Structure formats: structure tokens, C-alpha cells
Amino acid sequence: MNTSLVHLDPYQAVGVAAVVLVFGRWVTAKFPILHKYCIPAPVVGGFIFAILNLFLYESGIGSISFDTTFQSFFMTIFYCTVGMTASFRQLNKGGKDVAVFLVLVIIICTMQNVIGCILAVVFGLDARLGLAMGSIPLVGGHGTSGSFGPLLESMGVSGGTTVAIASATFGLVAGSIMGGPLANLRIKKLGVHTLASQNAALCAIEEDAESNDNDEISTRTYAAALEENRRSNINQERFLNGALVIAFAVGAGTLIYDFFIKVGITFPTYIGAMLLACVIRNATDYKKIDIPLEEIDCIGHLSLNLYLALALMGLKLWELSSLAIAMIVILLAQCIALALFAYFPVFHAMGKNYEASCFVTASCGFGMGATANAMANVAAVNKKYGPSPKALFIVPLVGALFIDFFNSLIITGFLNVLR
């Protein structure tokens, strides 16, 4: 029986994640195709680590396991910093886009379950097992898989948990790989000059949200602004202040989360910190109080990269290698369907512009992995092309507040129909 070769405690796991992240950045720099298609460095490094772990496991030597305590910690820190970007002054037209994107994701959930159930029947499997290759693992991720998998088994669906978790593992990788190339295709079709002007305008929003005249600032490309930012020094006192704001929001945010649990509403653990950070940002905007947004963004970037490195390190690829042909076909069909849906309906519904291209890559991460994957996809595209404030706000908002609720209703509906 294969046993753990090495078990890392939480601190050792973070140390290894740092090495994996640096290695991923080195590989990305060495292979331009990875940068061209916006594949995040922690995904590259983490996936290589997972392949090494697969080799150790299959050879009988034993796998590398680790304590995942800090994985959720970094996830909470990241979403707290996302909440700090939610300036309603800048996004006063975002209400309609939130509703549109939510409807698109609900369609994705329904589509995935229909595809999973139909193809499961085609391969002679229980139709309900198709849900374990539908929105349960793909939109819901490992958390929803761990919740609905045992429910499927209690209803007589053999292997529901194993199939769901394996599918979620597949989706975690597929969502990260698919998003960058699709967004890159859309952005190239928009035209480089048009994109440069649009990104410059987006940069100007935060500096002067009420101004309607951006003629002077529109001549600055995002690349020039990024280079100027790299030459600036982050103030130590402002960095400390940013960290203190985050610490307060994370700590006090647990009270909000506990309140939701007590009234019977299930939300991700990071929702309290994210909502409180959003309140802090908009209160400071209203009172015109300066907060260290650049330093907070730096902390968020670090947290996201370490979270993804830990998540990818934990992939058990031997679960994918043991998938039956039917599962492989169904999951590939899900990839194709989502890619087409993201590339066409999502892009057109979200505005047919640069922001819409960011929603394309977000939909791939969102629809095949998790909200964090979607945000990593968007961050990778933003790093190359420029900021997308609406996508950075709307995607985690829909992921945190709405989709788990609607996905659970959709799954429950399918289970009742297929009973």
C-alpha cells in the first residue's frame, strides 16, 4: 500500500510553495508560449510538482503530503484585498454587468449538468453520476464535491465522491490552461492600439473618476504606467497600514461569517473579510480618506500566488490516470462546450471589449475550477495587457455571494428530476 514519503507541516508547505512559485516563474520566462497564453506561474510550478508527486506515487516510493492550513489563510487574505478594489464610485455601472454575468454562470451550471447526464447515459452509466462530472465539481470545485459526493452515494450512485473529486482536480488544471489562450485570441482581434487606449482610460478611472476628459492620459500606454510603477518604492509605513487594514478586516470578518452560519446561510469562509473590506473601501472613498491601495494590492498578489501554488501542489494526478474512458470523454466535452460558450456568448454579452475578454478567461477558471482560478486567469491577462476593474470586482462577487446558492438549487433540481 502506497504511503506518504514525506509529510510537510504548514510552515514547510509554504516554504515549498515559495520554491514552486519561483520555479514556475523561471519556467514561464524560459518558455515564451506560457507567457504568450497567460498561463499563471503558480499553475506551471504547481503542476510540475504534481507530476513529480505522481511519479513517486506510481513508482511505489510514496507521495509527498502536506498540511493545507495556510492554503485557506492565503485565500482569505487574497479575497479581502479583492474587497478593497470594490469601489462603487468607479463601478457605478456595474449592477447590470453583475446580473448578466450571474445569468451566464447559471447557464453554464445547467449546461454542464445536461452534458454530464446525457453522456453518462450514452456510456451506460447512472445519469446521476453525470452530475459528478457536471457543475458539482466544475463550478462547485472540491468543496461542493465533498458535499454532494456522499449524497450521491447515499442515493445509490456508486463512486459519486471519487468521481466528483477527480473531476474537480481535472477542472482545476483545465480551467487555468484554457482561459489564457481564449482571452489572448479575443484581445488580439480587438487591435493593439485600441487596447492601449482603453487600458490607459481604465488607469485614469482611479485618479479622476468624475472627469469626462481623458484626452491627455489616453496617450499613456499601460506598459509605460507599469514601468513607472516598477521604479517607485513602496513606503514601509503605508505597507504596514495596508497590512493592518487587512488584518482588521479578516479578523472582524469572521463575525460576519459566523452570523451567516447562525441564520442558516452557507457562504465561503472568506466572504466576511471580503464584504467588510468592501465597506471600508467605499467608506474611505466617501470620506476621501487615503488608503494604501498599491501596498494592499501587493499583499493580495503574493497571497493569490501562494494559494494557487499550494492548491496545485495538492493535486493527486493518479486520480486522473485512473479515470475511465467515459469520464475522460465527458470531461473533454465539458471543456469544449465551456470554451465555445466563453468565447462567443460570454464575450458578446459582457460588451465585446477588453473587459469582456477578461470575462472570457474568468469564465474558464470559474466554470472548470474555482473563483480563485478565475481571478488568477484575470490577473495573468491584466499583467500582460492592463487592468480590468469590472472583472476584478464582478467575478469574485458572483462567486462569493450568488453562485454556490444557485448551483446547489440547480443540482438539487437535477437530482429530483432524475430520481
Protein backbone atom coordinates (compact mmCIF):
# COMPACT_ATOMS: atom_id res chain seq x y z
CA MET A 1 0.00 0.00 0.00
CA ASN A 2 1.39 3.39 -1.02
CA THR A 3 2.15 5.59 1.97
CA SER A 4 3.31 9.14 2.46
CA LEU A 5 7.03 9.52 1.81
CA VAL A 6 7.21 12.98 3.37
CA HIS A 7 4.61 14.97 5.29
CA LEU A 8 5.16 18.72 5.45
CA ASP A 9 3.83 20.81 8.31
CA PRO A 10 2.07 24.12 7.45
CA TYR A 11 5.27 26.19 7.56
CA GLN A 12 7.27 23.71 5.50
CA ALA A 13 4.42 23.59 2.96
CA VAL A 14 4.56 27.37 2.50
CA GLY A 15 8.34 27.18 2.09
CA VAL A 16 8.00 24.55 -0.63
CA ALA A 17 5.21 26.59 -2.25
CA ALA A 18 7.57 29.56 -2.44
CA VAL A 19 10.17 27.41 -4.22
CA VAL A 20 7.49 26.02 -6.54
CA LEU A 21 6.30 29.55 -7.36
CA VAL A 22 9.83 30.79 -8.15
CA PHE A 23 10.43 27.71 -10.29
CA GLY A 24 7.16 28.33 -12.12
CA ARG A 25 8.22 31.91 -12.86
CA TRP A 26 11.55 30.63 -14.21
CA VAL A 27 9.87 28.07 -16.46
CA THR A 28 7.39 30.69 -17.70
CA ALA A 29 10.28 33.02 -18.56
CA LYS A 30 12.15 30.22 -20.37
CA PHE A 31 9.17 29.17 -22.50
CA PRO A 32 7.58 32.22 -24.18
CA ILE A 33 4.49 30.25 -25.17
CA LEU A 34 3.46 30.12 -21.50
CA HIS A 35 3.71 33.89 -21.20
CA LYS A 36 2.02 34.38 -24.57
CA TYR A 37 -1.05 32.48 -23.44
CA CYS A 38 -1.08 33.96 -19.92
CA ILE A 39 -0.56 30.67 -18.04
CA PRO A 40 -0.05 31.70 -14.36
CA ALA A 41 3.38 30.88 -12.89
CA PRO A 42 2.00 29.12 -9.77
CA VAL A 43 -0.05 26.84 -12.05
CA VAL A 44 3.07 25.94 -14.04
CA GLY A 45 5.23 25.29 -10.98
CA GLY A 46 2.48 23.55 -9.02
CA PHE A 47 1.57 21.27 -11.90
CA ILE A 48 5.21 20.21 -12.34
CA PHE A 49 5.31 19.43 -8.61
CA ALA A 50 2.12 17.38 -9.00
CA ILE A 51 3.72 15.42 -11.87
CA LEU A 52 6.73 14.66 -9.64
CA ASN A 53 4.36 13.51 -6.92
CA LEU A 54 2.58 11.28 -9.43
CA PHE A 55 5.92 9.66 -10.38
CA LEU A 56 6.74 8.99 -6.72
CA TYR A 57 3.29 7.55 -6.13
CA GLU A 58 3.25 5.28 -9.18
CA SER A 59 6.79 4.03 -8.52
CA GLY A 60 5.72 2.87 -5.06
CA ILE A 61 8.16 5.16 -3.28
CA GLY A 62 5.36 7.18 -1.69
CA SER A 63 3.73 10.55 -2.22
CA ILE A 64 4.51 13.95 -0.71
CA SER A 65 1.68 15.20 1.52
CA PHE A 66 1.36 18.43 3.45
CA ASP A 67 -0.82 20.33 5.88
CA THR A 68 -3.13 22.71 3.96
CA THR A 69 -3.84 25.10 6.87
CA PHE A 70 -2.25 28.11 5.17
CA GLN A 71 -4.00 27.42 1.88
CA SER A 72 -7.31 28.78 3.19
CA PHE A 73 -5.45 31.54 5.05
CA PHE A 74 -3.90 32.90 1.85
CA MET A 75 -7.23 32.53 0.05
CA THR A 76 -8.94 34.67 2.71
CA ILE A 77 -6.21 37.33 2.56
CA PHE A 78 -6.50 37.50 -1.22
CA TYR A 79 -10.28 37.90 -1.25
CA CYS A 80 -10.01 40.54 1.43
CA THR A 81 -7.76 42.56 -0.88
CA VAL A 82 -10.26 41.98 -3.69
CA GLY A 83 -12.91 43.56 -1.49
CA MET A 84 -10.68 46.64 -1.21
CA THR A 85 -10.90 47.08 -5.01
CA ALA A 86 -14.72 47.24 -4.94
CA SER A 87 -15.11 50.99 -5.30
CA PHE A 88 -18.72 51.72 -6.24
CA ARG A 89 -17.63 55.20 -7.31
CA GLN A 90 -15.61 53.58 -10.07
CA LEU A 91 -18.13 50.86 -10.85
CA ASN A 92 -21.41 52.75 -10.78
CA LYS A 93 -22.47 50.97 -13.95
CA GLY A 94 -21.55 47.51 -12.72
CA GLY A 95 -25.01 46.49 -11.48
CA LYS A 96 -26.23 45.36 -14.88
CA ASP A 97 -22.99 43.51 -15.59
CA VAL A 98 -23.24 41.63 -12.28
CA ALA A 99 -26.71 40.38 -13.21
CA VAL A 100 -25.65 39.47 -16.75
CA PHE A 101 -22.59 37.53 -15.59
CA LEU A 102 -24.64 35.72 -12.94
CA VAL A 103 -27.15 34.62 -15.59
CA LEU A 104 -24.28 33.42 -17.80
CA VAL A 105 -22.81 31.34 -14.96
CA ILE A 106 -26.24 29.86 -14.16
CA ILE A 107 -26.48 28.82 -17.81
CA ILE A 108 -23.01 27.26 -17.53
CA CYS A 109 -24.11 25.23 -14.48
CA THR A 110 -27.22 23.96 -16.25
CA MET A 111 -25.32 23.20 -19.46
CA GLN A 112 -22.67 21.20 -17.63
CA ASN A 113 -25.25 19.05 -15.87
CA VAL A 114 -27.16 18.39 -19.09
CA ILE A 115 -23.95 17.35 -20.88
CA GLY A 116 -22.81 15.20 -17.96
CA CYS A 117 -26.12 13.38 -17.57
CA ILE A 118 -26.69 12.75 -21.30
CA LEU A 119 -23.16 11.44 -21.92
CA ALA A 120 -23.28 9.31 -18.77
CA VAL A 121 -26.39 7.58 -20.16
CA VAL A 122 -24.69 7.18 -23.55
CA PHE A 123 -21.84 5.29 -21.84
CA GLY A 124 -24.30 3.17 -19.87
CA LEU A 125 -23.71 4.91 -16.54
CA ASP A 126 -26.20 6.18 -13.99
CA ALA A 127 -27.39 9.58 -15.22
CA ARG A 128 -26.89 10.98 -11.73
CA LEU A 129 -23.20 10.08 -11.94
CA GLY A 130 -23.07 12.63 -14.75
CA LEU A 131 -23.71 15.31 -12.14
CA ALA A 132 -20.40 14.28 -10.56
CA MET A 133 -18.83 15.35 -13.87
CA GLY A 134 -21.05 18.42 -14.20
CA SER A 135 -21.47 21.55 -12.12
CA ILE A 136 -20.81 19.74 -8.81
CA PRO A 137 -17.04 19.54 -9.41
CA LEU A 138 -16.56 22.02 -12.24
CA VAL A 139 -18.29 25.14 -10.93
CA GLY A 140 -18.52 23.89 -7.33
CA GLY A 141 -14.94 22.66 -7.01
CA HIS A 142 -13.62 20.30 -4.35
CA GLY A 143 -15.81 21.79 -1.61
CA THR A 144 -19.08 21.10 -3.41
CA SER A 145 -17.73 17.71 -4.50
CA GLY A 146 -17.09 16.81 -0.88
CA SER A 147 -20.65 17.83 0.00
CA PHE A 148 -22.67 16.32 -2.85
CA GLY A 149 -20.47 13.26 -3.48
CA PRO A 150 -21.57 11.45 -0.30
CA LEU A 151 -25.18 12.50 -1.02
CA LEU A 152 -24.98 10.82 -4.43
CA GLU A 153 -23.62 7.65 -2.82
CA SER A 154 -26.41 7.69 -0.22
CA MET A 155 -28.83 7.71 -3.15
CA GLY A 156 -27.21 4.59 -4.58
CA VAL A 157 -24.79 6.23 -7.04
CA SER A 158 -21.61 4.20 -6.61
CA GLY A 159 -18.34 6.15 -6.74
CA GLY A 160 -20.02 9.55 -6.59
CA THR A 161 -17.44 11.09 -4.27
CA THR A 162 -14.37 9.70 -6.05
CA VAL A 163 -15.62 10.72 -9.49
CA ALA A 164 -16.57 14.22 -8.31
CA ILE A 165 -13.24 14.88 -6.60
CA ALA A 166 -11.26 13.52 -9.57
CA SER A 167 -13.30 15.69 -11.94
CA ALA A 168 -12.69 18.74 -9.73
CA THR A 169 -8.96 18.02 -9.89
CA PHE A 170 -9.13 17.84 -13.68
CA GLY A 171 -11.14 21.05 -13.81
CA LEU A 172 -8.65 22.91 -11.61
CA VAL A 173 -5.94 22.35 -14.21
CA ALA A 174 -8.12 22.66 -17.31
CA GLY A 175 -9.67 25.95 -16.24
CA SER A 176 -6.25 27.54 -15.78
CA ILE A 177 -4.92 26.24 -19.10
CA MET A 178 -7.98 27.18 -21.18
CA GLY A 179 -8.54 30.75 -20.02
CA GLY A 180 -5.36 32.50 -21.16
CA PRO A 181 -5.32 31.32 -24.80
CA LEU A 182 -9.00 32.16 -25.35
CA ALA A 183 -8.63 35.66 -23.87
CA ASN A 184 -5.46 36.16 -25.89
CA LEU A 185 -7.32 35.36 -29.13
CA ARG A 186 -10.08 37.82 -28.30
CA ILE A 187 -7.67 40.58 -27.28
CA LYS A 188 -5.61 40.21 -30.46
CA LYS A 189 -8.76 40.62 -32.53
CA LEU A 190 -9.57 43.86 -30.70
CA GLY A 191 -6.40 45.51 -32.02
CA VAL A 192 -3.31 46.59 -30.10
CA HIS A 193 -3.82 50.36 -30.50
CA THR A 194 -7.45 50.24 -29.42
CA LEU A 195 -6.47 48.16 -26.42
CA ALA A 196 -3.69 50.52 -25.37
CA SER A 197 -6.07 53.49 -25.36
CA GLN A 198 -8.68 51.54 -23.42
CA ASN A 199 -6.21 50.41 -20.78
CA ALA A 200 -4.96 53.95 -20.34
CA ALA A 201 -8.52 55.10 -19.78
CA LEU A 202 -9.01 52.38 -17.18
CA CYS A 203 -5.88 53.52 -15.37
CA ALA A 204 -7.28 57.04 -15.33
CA ILE A 205 -10.52 56.00 -13.59
CA GLU A 206 -8.96 55.70 -10.15
CA GLU A 207 -7.09 59.01 -10.46
CA ASP A 208 -10.12 61.01 -11.57
CA ALA A 209 -13.39 59.07 -11.57
CA GLU A 210 -15.56 62.14 -12.10
CA SER A 211 -13.64 63.57 -15.05
CA ASN A 212 -15.04 63.12 -18.55
CA ASP A 213 -11.96 64.39 -20.31
CA ASN A 214 -9.19 61.78 -20.52
CA ASP A 215 -7.54 63.06 -23.71
CA GLU A 216 -4.14 63.69 -22.10
CA ILE A 217 -3.97 60.49 -20.09
CA SER A 218 -5.18 58.35 -23.01
CA THR A 219 -1.80 58.80 -24.67
CA ARG A 220 -0.10 56.79 -21.92
CA THR A 221 0.13 53.08 -22.58
CA TYR A 222 -0.29 50.58 -19.78
CA ALA A 223 3.27 49.39 -20.36
CA ALA A 224 4.60 52.88 -19.62
CA ALA A 225 2.47 53.15 -16.49
CA LEU A 226 3.66 49.73 -15.33
CA GLU A 227 7.30 50.68 -15.86
CA GLU A 228 6.78 53.88 -13.87
CA ASN A 229 5.19 51.86 -11.07
CA ARG A 230 8.14 49.45 -11.00
CA ARG A 231 10.52 52.37 -10.47
CA SER A 232 8.55 53.63 -7.47
CA ASN A 233 9.30 52.47 -3.95
CA ILE A 234 6.57 51.11 -1.69
CA ASN A 235 6.52 53.13 1.52
CA GLN A 236 7.19 50.99 4.59
CA GLU A 237 4.68 52.87 6.76
CA ARG A 238 1.97 52.60 4.08
CA PHE A 239 2.69 48.89 3.70
CA LEU A 240 2.23 48.44 7.45
CA ASN A 241 -1.02 50.41 7.33
CA GLY A 242 -2.27 48.25 4.47
CA ALA A 243 -1.42 45.08 6.38
CA LEU A 244 -3.24 46.41 9.45
CA VAL A 245 -6.38 47.17 7.42
CA ILE A 246 -6.33 43.64 6.02
CA ALA A 247 -5.73 42.11 9.47
CA PHE A 248 -8.70 44.01 10.89
CA ALA A 249 -10.99 43.06 8.00
CA VAL A 250 -10.02 39.38 8.21
CA GLY A 251 -10.49 39.23 11.97
CA ALA A 252 -13.74 41.21 12.16
CA GLY A 253 -14.98 39.46 9.03
CA THR A 254 -15.23 36.18 10.93
CA LEU A 255 -18.09 37.73 12.93
CA ILE A 256 -19.99 38.37 9.70
CA TYR A 257 -19.34 34.81 8.56
CA ASP A 258 -20.49 33.41 11.91
CA PHE A 259 -23.70 35.45 11.64
CA PHE A 260 -24.47 33.92 8.25
CA ILE A 261 -23.89 30.43 9.64
CA LYS A 262 -26.16 31.05 12.64
CA VAL A 263 -29.07 32.16 10.42
CA GLY A 264 -28.63 29.07 8.24
CA ILE A 265 -26.89 30.66 5.24
CA THR A 266 -23.83 28.87 3.90
CA PHE A 267 -21.10 31.03 2.41
CA PRO A 268 -17.36 30.59 1.75
CA THR A 269 -15.22 31.38 4.78
CA TYR A 270 -13.68 34.43 3.12
CA ILE A 271 -16.98 36.22 2.49
CA GLY A 272 -16.94 38.16 5.78
CA ALA A 273 -13.48 39.62 5.18
CA MET A 274 -14.32 40.48 1.59
CA LEU A 275 -17.58 42.25 2.46
CA LEU A 276 -16.02 44.22 5.32
CA ALA A 277 -13.10 45.24 3.08
CA CYS A 278 -15.64 46.47 0.52
CA VAL A 279 -17.36 48.57 3.19
CA ILE A 280 -14.01 50.03 4.31
CA ARG A 281 -13.05 50.93 0.74
CA ASN A 282 -16.29 52.71 -0.03
CA ALA A 283 -16.40 54.48 3.35
CA THR A 284 -12.89 55.83 2.78
CA ASP A 285 -13.87 56.87 -0.76
CA TYR A 286 -16.87 58.76 0.60
CA LYS A 287 -14.81 60.47 3.31
CA LYS A 288 -11.91 61.00 0.88
CA ILE A 289 -9.51 59.18 3.21
CA ASP A 290 -6.34 57.94 1.58
CA ILE A 291 -5.68 54.21 1.95
CA PRO A 292 -2.55 52.35 0.70
CA LEU A 293 -4.17 50.58 -2.27
CA GLU A 294 -0.88 49.84 -4.02
CA GLU A 295 0.54 48.14 -0.94
CA ILE A 296 -2.71 46.21 -0.34
CA ASP A 297 -2.64 45.03 -3.95
CA CYS A 298 0.94 43.80 -3.42
CA ILE A 299 -0.17 41.73 -0.41
CA GLY A 300 -3.08 40.33 -2.41
CA HIS A 301 -0.85 39.35 -5.32
CA LEU A 302 1.51 37.47 -3.01
CA SER A 303 -1.36 35.68 -1.27
CA LEU A 304 -3.01 34.61 -4.53
CA ASN A 305 0.21 33.16 -5.91
CA LEU A 306 0.99 31.19 -2.75
CA TYR A 307 -2.61 29.93 -2.52
CA LEU A 308 -2.54 28.65 -6.09
CA ALA A 309 0.90 27.09 -5.65
CA LEU A 310 -0.39 25.16 -2.61
CA ALA A 311 -3.59 24.17 -4.41
CA LEU A 312 -1.75 22.83 -7.46
CA MET A 313 0.85 21.08 -5.29
CA GLY A 314 -2.00 19.15 -3.69
CA LEU A 315 -3.26 17.70 -6.96
CA LYS A 316 -3.39 13.90 -6.91
CA LEU A 317 -2.85 13.20 -10.58
CA TRP A 318 -3.10 9.46 -10.07
CA GLU A 319 -6.82 10.05 -9.64
CA LEU A 320 -6.89 11.38 -13.19
CA SER A 321 -4.81 8.50 -14.52
CA SER A 322 -7.36 6.05 -13.16
CA LEU A 323 -10.32 7.69 -14.90
CA ALA A 324 -12.34 5.52 -17.21
CA ILE A 325 -12.61 6.35 -20.91
CA ALA A 326 -16.17 7.54 -20.36
CA MET A 327 -15.05 10.10 -17.77
CA ILE A 328 -12.27 11.40 -19.99
CA VAL A 329 -14.66 11.85 -22.91
CA ILE A 330 -17.26 13.61 -20.75
CA LEU A 331 -14.72 15.97 -19.19
CA LEU A 332 -13.23 16.83 -22.58
CA ALA A 333 -16.74 17.51 -23.88
CA GLN A 334 -17.24 19.86 -20.92
CA CYS A 335 -14.03 21.70 -21.83
CA ILE A 336 -15.09 22.17 -25.45
CA ALA A 337 -18.60 23.30 -24.51
CA LEU A 338 -17.31 25.82 -21.97
CA ALA A 339 -14.64 27.14 -24.33
CA LEU A 340 -17.24 27.80 -27.03
CA PHE A 341 -19.67 29.35 -24.54
CA ALA A 342 -16.98 31.62 -23.05
CA TYR A 343 -15.55 32.64 -26.43
CA PHE A 344 -18.87 33.57 -28.02
CA PRO A 345 -21.88 34.20 -25.68
CA VAL A 346 -19.85 35.46 -22.70
CA PHE A 347 -17.70 37.79 -24.81
CA HIS A 348 -20.68 39.29 -26.63
CA ALA A 349 -22.92 39.55 -23.54
CA MET A 350 -20.24 41.31 -21.48
CA GLY A 351 -19.59 44.06 -24.02
CA LYS A 352 -17.30 42.78 -26.82
CA ASN A 353 -14.35 44.80 -25.46
CA TYR A 354 -11.19 44.27 -23.39
CA GLU A 355 -13.17 43.78 -20.18
CA ALA A 356 -15.27 41.17 -21.99
CA SER A 357 -12.06 39.33 -22.94
CA CYS A 358 -11.18 39.21 -19.24
CA PHE A 359 -14.61 37.72 -18.53
CA VAL A 360 -13.82 35.06 -21.15
CA THR A 361 -10.74 33.90 -19.25
CA ALA A 362 -12.58 34.28 -15.94
CA SER A 363 -15.43 32.07 -17.18
CA CYS A 364 -12.95 29.29 -17.96
CA GLY A 365 -11.40 29.43 -14.49
CA PHE A 366 -14.81 29.87 -12.89
CA GLY A 367 -16.56 27.17 -14.90
CA MET A 368 -13.86 24.49 -14.64
CA GLY A 369 -12.14 25.19 -11.34
CA ALA A 370 -12.98 27.81 -8.77
CA THR A 371 -13.28 31.56 -8.27
CA ALA A 372 -9.59 31.74 -7.32
CA ASN A 373 -8.69 30.15 -10.66
CA ALA A 374 -10.82 32.72 -12.44
CA MET A 375 -9.07 35.54 -10.58
CA ALA A 376 -5.65 34.08 -11.35
CA ASN A 377 -6.57 33.91 -15.03
CA VAL A 378 -7.71 37.54 -14.97
CA ALA A 379 -4.58 38.60 -13.06
CA ALA A 380 -2.35 36.91 -15.64
CA VAL A 381 -4.10 38.72 -18.50
CA ASN A 382 -4.04 42.03 -16.60
CA LYS A 383 -0.32 41.69 -16.02
CA LYS A 384 0.26 41.44 -19.76
CA TYR A 385 -2.36 43.81 -21.15
CA GLY A 386 -3.70 46.09 -18.42
CA PRO A 387 -6.27 46.40 -15.61
CA SER A 388 -9.90 45.27 -15.80
CA PRO A 389 -11.65 46.76 -12.74
CA LYS A 390 -15.11 45.40 -13.54
CA ALA A 391 -13.90 41.82 -13.98
CA LEU A 392 -11.82 42.03 -10.79
CA PHE A 393 -14.91 43.08 -8.83
CA ILE A 394 -17.77 41.20 -10.52
CA VAL A 395 -16.18 37.74 -10.77
CA PRO A 396 -15.44 37.27 -7.03
CA LEU A 397 -18.72 38.97 -6.12
CA VAL A 398 -20.73 36.47 -8.16
CA GLY A 399 -18.53 33.63 -6.91
CA ALA A 400 -18.87 34.57 -3.25
CA LEU A 401 -22.45 35.75 -2.97
CA PHE A 402 -24.51 34.01 -5.58
CA ILE A 403 -23.23 31.02 -7.46
CA ASP A 404 -22.91 28.49 -4.63
CA PHE A 405 -26.55 29.14 -3.75
CA PHE A 406 -27.82 28.86 -7.33
CA ASN A 407 -25.58 25.90 -8.15
CA SER A 408 -26.94 24.00 -5.15
CA LEU A 409 -30.51 24.70 -6.29
CA ILE A 410 -29.70 23.55 -9.84
CA ILE A 411 -28.02 20.34 -8.62
CA THR A 412 -30.89 19.61 -6.25
CA GLY A 413 -33.35 20.15 -9.11
CA PHE A 414 -31.50 17.67 -11.33
CA LEU A 415 -31.37 15.11 -8.51
CA ASN A 416 -35.11 15.36 -8.02
CA VAL A 417 -35.85 15.07 -11.75
CA LEU A 418 -33.51 12.07 -12.17
CA ARG A 419 -34.72 10.26 -9.04
